[in-house]
């Protein structure tokens, strides 16, 4: 679990990049999310990564419809699941 948190932490900051046309208090959202996630991580006796919440590479173009090849495969699998089981809920 800790390895997964460490590997993905650098992508979490992207969730709070302002979205044009969406009026939100991004800083407050980030602070609230960080506090909640930190509590869960610590309750699980894991460690919140010390590194930044952003890396050299970010997938910001996804909001503009530009995705990686691996995302295309994952999206196809998710669409197949949704279409195979209409109305299903998790």
N, C-alpha and C. Protein backbone atom coordinates (compact mmCIF):
# COMPACT_ATOMS: atom_id res chain seq x y z
N UNK A 1 0.82 -1.19 0.00
CA UNK A 1 0.00 0.00 0.00
C UNK A 1 0.87 1.26 0.00
N UNK A 2 1.92 1.24 0.82
CA UNK A 2 2.77 2.42 0.90
C UNK A 2 3.44 2.70 -0.43
N UNK A 3 3.85 1.66 -1.12
CA UNK A 3 4.49 1.85 -2.44
C UNK A 3 3.51 2.49 -3.41
N UNK A 4 2.25 2.10 -3.36
CA UNK A 4 1.25 2.69 -4.24
C UNK A 4 1.02 4.16 -3.93
N UNK A 5 0.93 4.49 -2.65
CA UNK A 5 0.75 5.89 -2.25
C UNK A 5 1.95 6.71 -2.71
N UNK A 6 3.15 6.19 -2.47
CA UNK A 6 4.37 6.90 -2.87
C UNK A 6 4.42 7.13 -4.38
N UNK A 7 4.01 6.13 -5.15
CA UNK A 7 4.09 6.22 -6.60
C UNK A 7 3.08 7.21 -7.18
N UNK A 8 1.91 7.32 -6.56
CA UNK A 8 0.84 8.13 -7.13
C UNK A 8 0.70 9.52 -6.52
N UNK A 9 1.36 9.77 -5.42
CA UNK A 9 1.20 11.03 -4.71
C UNK A 9 1.51 12.23 -5.60
N UNK A 10 2.49 12.11 -6.46
CA UNK A 10 2.89 13.26 -7.29
C UNK A 10 1.80 13.68 -8.28
N UNK A 11 0.78 12.87 -8.46
CA UNK A 11 -0.30 13.21 -9.38
C UNK A 11 -1.49 13.87 -8.67
N UNK A 12 -1.51 13.86 -7.34
CA UNK A 12 -2.68 14.33 -6.62
C UNK A 12 -2.90 15.83 -6.72
N UNK A 13 -1.85 16.60 -6.90
CA UNK A 13 -1.99 18.04 -6.99
C UNK A 13 -2.78 18.48 -8.20
N UNK A 14 -2.78 17.66 -9.23
CA UNK A 14 -3.48 18.01 -10.47
C UNK A 14 -4.99 18.11 -10.27
N UNK A 15 -5.51 17.43 -9.27
CA UNK A 15 -6.95 17.47 -9.03
C UNK A 15 -7.42 18.88 -8.67
N UNK A 16 -6.50 19.72 -8.23
CA UNK A 16 -6.86 21.04 -7.74
C UNK A 16 -6.40 22.17 -8.64
N UNK A 17 -6.05 21.83 -9.87
CA UNK A 17 -5.74 22.87 -10.84
C UNK A 17 -7.05 23.51 -11.27
N UNK A 18 -7.13 24.82 -11.26
CA UNK A 18 -8.38 25.48 -11.63
C UNK A 18 -8.88 25.06 -13.02
N UNK A 19 -10.17 24.92 -13.13
CA UNK A 19 -10.83 24.56 -14.37
C UNK A 19 -11.54 25.81 -14.89
N UNK A 20 -11.22 26.23 -16.10
CA UNK A 20 -11.89 27.42 -16.64
C UNK A 20 -13.41 27.24 -16.64
N UNK A 21 -14.11 28.26 -16.18
CA UNK A 21 -15.56 28.23 -16.16
C UNK A 21 -16.17 27.58 -14.93
N UNK A 22 -15.33 27.01 -14.06
CA UNK A 22 -15.83 26.38 -12.85
C UNK A 22 -15.39 27.21 -11.66
N UNK A 23 -16.35 27.83 -11.01
CA UNK A 23 -16.06 28.71 -9.88
C UNK A 23 -15.97 27.85 -8.62
N UNK A 24 -14.76 27.72 -8.08
CA UNK A 24 -14.56 26.92 -6.88
C UNK A 24 -13.39 27.51 -6.09
N UNK A 25 -13.39 27.25 -4.80
CA UNK A 25 -12.27 27.65 -3.95
C UNK A 25 -11.28 26.49 -3.95
N UNK A 26 -10.40 26.49 -4.93
CA UNK A 26 -9.48 25.37 -5.14
C UNK A 26 -8.56 25.15 -3.95
N UNK A 27 -8.13 26.22 -3.31
CA UNK A 27 -7.24 26.08 -2.16
C UNK A 27 -7.97 25.41 -1.00
N UNK A 28 -9.21 25.80 -0.76
CA UNK A 28 -9.99 25.18 0.32
C UNK A 28 -10.26 23.71 0.01
N UNK A 29 -10.57 23.40 -1.25
CA UNK A 29 -10.77 22.01 -1.64
C UNK A 29 -9.51 21.18 -1.40
N UNK A 30 -8.36 21.73 -1.78
CA UNK A 30 -7.09 21.03 -1.58
C UNK A 30 -6.83 20.79 -0.11
N UNK A 31 -7.04 21.81 0.72
CA UNK A 31 -6.78 21.67 2.15
C UNK A 31 -7.71 20.63 2.77
N UNK A 32 -8.99 20.67 2.41
CA UNK A 32 -9.95 19.70 2.95
C UNK A 32 -9.60 18.28 2.52
N UNK A 33 -9.28 18.11 1.23
CA UNK A 33 -8.93 16.79 0.71
C UNK A 33 -7.66 16.27 1.38
N UNK A 34 -6.66 17.12 1.50
CA UNK A 34 -5.40 16.70 2.11
C UNK A 34 -5.61 16.28 3.56
N UNK A 35 -6.41 17.02 4.30
CA UNK A 35 -6.67 16.67 5.69
C UNK A 35 -7.39 15.31 5.79
N UNK A 36 -8.38 15.10 4.93
CA UNK A 36 -9.13 13.84 4.96
C UNK A 36 -8.25 12.65 4.58
N UNK A 37 -7.48 12.82 3.51
CA UNK A 37 -6.64 11.72 3.03
C UNK A 37 -5.51 11.44 4.02
N UNK A 38 -4.95 12.48 4.60
CA UNK A 38 -3.90 12.30 5.59
C UNK A 38 -4.42 11.50 6.78
N UNK A 39 -5.62 11.81 7.23
CA UNK A 39 -6.20 11.07 8.35
C UNK A 39 -6.37 9.59 8.03
N UNK A 40 -6.84 9.29 6.82
CA UNK A 40 -7.03 7.89 6.41
C UNK A 40 -5.68 7.17 6.30
N UNK A 41 -4.71 7.82 5.69
CA UNK A 41 -3.39 7.21 5.53
C UNK A 41 -2.76 6.92 6.89
N UNK A 42 -2.84 7.88 7.79
CA UNK A 42 -2.25 7.68 9.12
C UNK A 42 -3.02 6.64 9.92
N UNK A 43 -4.32 6.59 9.76
CA UNK A 43 -5.12 5.56 10.45
C UNK A 43 -4.74 4.17 9.97
N UNK A 44 -4.33 4.07 8.72
CA UNK A 44 -3.91 2.79 8.16
C UNK A 44 -2.45 2.50 8.51
N UNK A 45 -1.89 3.28 9.38
CA UNK A 45 -0.48 3.17 9.81
C UNK A 45 0.50 3.27 8.65
N UNK A 46 0.15 4.09 7.68
CA UNK A 46 1.04 4.37 6.55
C UNK A 46 1.54 5.80 6.69
N UNK A 47 2.41 6.20 5.79
CA UNK A 47 3.03 7.51 5.86
C UNK A 47 2.64 8.35 4.65
N UNK A 48 2.27 9.59 4.91
CA UNK A 48 1.99 10.54 3.83
C UNK A 48 3.33 10.90 3.19
N UNK A 49 3.47 10.79 1.89
CA UNK A 49 4.74 11.11 1.23
C UNK A 49 5.15 12.56 1.49
N UNK A 50 6.45 12.76 1.62
CA UNK A 50 6.97 14.10 1.84
C UNK A 50 7.15 14.87 0.55
N UNK A 51 7.17 14.17 -0.57
CA UNK A 51 7.40 14.80 -1.85
C UNK A 51 6.26 15.71 -2.26
N UNK A 52 6.49 16.48 -3.29
CA UNK A 52 5.45 17.40 -3.77
C UNK A 52 4.26 16.65 -4.37
N UNK A 53 3.15 17.35 -4.47
CA UNK A 53 1.95 16.76 -5.05
C UNK A 53 1.90 17.00 -6.55
N UNK A 54 3.00 17.40 -7.12
CA UNK A 54 3.09 17.56 -8.57
C UNK A 54 4.44 17.03 -9.01
N UNK A 55 4.48 16.50 -10.22
CA UNK A 55 5.72 15.99 -10.76
C UNK A 55 6.10 16.74 -12.02
N UNK A 56 7.17 16.31 -12.62
CA UNK A 56 7.63 16.94 -13.85
C UNK A 56 6.61 16.74 -14.97
N UNK A 57 5.93 15.60 -14.94
CA UNK A 57 4.92 15.31 -15.96
C UNK A 57 3.56 15.38 -15.31
N UNK A 58 2.63 16.04 -15.96
CA UNK A 58 1.24 16.04 -15.51
C UNK A 58 0.35 15.75 -16.69
N UNK A 59 -0.79 15.20 -16.40
CA UNK A 59 -1.72 14.79 -17.45
C UNK A 59 -2.78 15.84 -17.70
N UNK A 60 -2.49 17.09 -17.47
CA UNK A 60 -3.47 18.16 -17.59
C UNK A 60 -4.19 18.20 -18.92
N UNK A 61 -3.58 17.69 -19.95
CA UNK A 61 -4.22 17.71 -21.27
C UNK A 61 -5.44 16.81 -21.31
N UNK A 62 -5.62 15.94 -20.33
CA UNK A 62 -6.79 15.06 -20.29
C UNK A 62 -8.08 15.84 -20.23
N UNK A 63 -8.04 16.99 -19.57
CA UNK A 63 -9.23 17.83 -19.50
C UNK A 63 -9.56 18.42 -20.86
N UNK A 64 -8.60 18.37 -21.75
CA UNK A 64 -8.79 18.89 -23.11
C UNK A 64 -9.01 17.76 -24.11
N UNK A 65 -9.16 16.53 -23.60
CA UNK A 65 -9.43 15.39 -24.46
C UNK A 65 -8.20 14.71 -25.02
N UNK A 66 -7.02 15.07 -24.53
CA UNK A 66 -5.78 14.44 -24.99
C UNK A 66 -5.34 13.42 -23.94
N UNK A 67 -5.28 12.16 -24.33
CA UNK A 67 -4.98 11.10 -23.38
C UNK A 67 -3.85 10.21 -23.89
N UNK A 68 -3.25 9.47 -22.96
CA UNK A 68 -2.20 8.53 -23.31
C UNK A 68 -2.80 7.27 -23.91
N UNK A 69 -1.97 6.47 -24.52
CA UNK A 69 -2.43 5.21 -25.11
C UNK A 69 -2.97 4.28 -24.03
N UNK A 70 -2.31 4.23 -22.89
CA UNK A 70 -2.77 3.33 -21.83
C UNK A 70 -4.14 3.75 -21.31
N UNK A 71 -4.44 5.04 -21.29
CA UNK A 71 -5.76 5.50 -20.87
C UNK A 71 -6.82 5.01 -21.84
N UNK A 72 -6.50 5.00 -23.13
CA UNK A 72 -7.44 4.52 -24.14
C UNK A 72 -7.83 3.08 -23.90
N UNK A 73 -6.87 2.24 -23.54
CA UNK A 73 -7.17 0.83 -23.24
C UNK A 73 -8.04 0.71 -21.99
N UNK A 74 -7.71 1.48 -20.96
CA UNK A 74 -8.47 1.44 -19.73
C UNK A 74 -9.90 1.93 -19.97
N UNK A 75 -10.06 3.00 -20.74
CA UNK A 75 -11.38 3.54 -21.05
C UNK A 75 -12.21 2.51 -21.82
N UNK A 76 -11.60 1.82 -22.77
CA UNK A 76 -12.31 0.80 -23.53
C UNK A 76 -12.81 -0.31 -22.62
N UNK A 77 -11.99 -0.70 -21.65
CA UNK A 77 -12.40 -1.75 -20.72
C UNK A 77 -13.55 -1.27 -19.83
N UNK A 78 -13.47 -0.04 -19.37
CA UNK A 78 -14.54 0.49 -18.53
C UNK A 78 -15.84 0.62 -19.32
N UNK A 79 -15.75 1.05 -20.57
CA UNK A 79 -16.95 1.17 -21.40
C UNK A 79 -17.56 -0.19 -21.67
N UNK A 80 -16.71 -1.20 -21.90
CA UNK A 80 -17.20 -2.56 -22.13
C UNK A 80 -17.97 -3.04 -20.89
N UNK A 81 -17.43 -2.81 -19.71
CA UNK A 81 -18.08 -3.23 -18.48
C UNK A 81 -19.42 -2.53 -18.33
N UNK A 82 -19.44 -1.23 -18.56
CA UNK A 82 -20.69 -0.46 -18.44
C UNK A 82 -21.73 -0.95 -19.44
N UNK A 83 -21.32 -1.21 -20.65
CA UNK A 83 -22.26 -1.64 -21.68
C UNK A 83 -22.73 -3.08 -21.47
N UNK A 84 -21.89 -3.89 -20.86
CA UNK A 84 -22.26 -5.29 -20.60
C UNK A 84 -23.23 -5.42 -19.44
N UNK A 85 -23.20 -4.46 -18.53
CA UNK A 85 -24.04 -4.52 -17.34
C UNK A 85 -24.76 -3.19 -17.14
N UNK A 86 -25.69 -2.84 -18.05
CA UNK A 86 -26.37 -1.54 -17.92
C UNK A 86 -27.14 -1.45 -16.61
N UNK A 87 -27.04 -0.30 -15.98
CA UNK A 87 -27.76 -0.07 -14.75
C UNK A 87 -27.09 -0.63 -13.50
N UNK A 88 -25.94 -1.28 -13.67
CA UNK A 88 -25.24 -1.84 -12.51
C UNK A 88 -24.69 -0.70 -11.66
N UNK A 89 -24.58 -0.96 -10.37
CA UNK A 89 -23.98 0.02 -9.48
C UNK A 89 -22.99 -0.71 -8.57
N UNK A 90 -22.01 0.06 -8.13
CA UNK A 90 -20.98 -0.53 -7.28
C UNK A 90 -21.09 0.05 -5.92
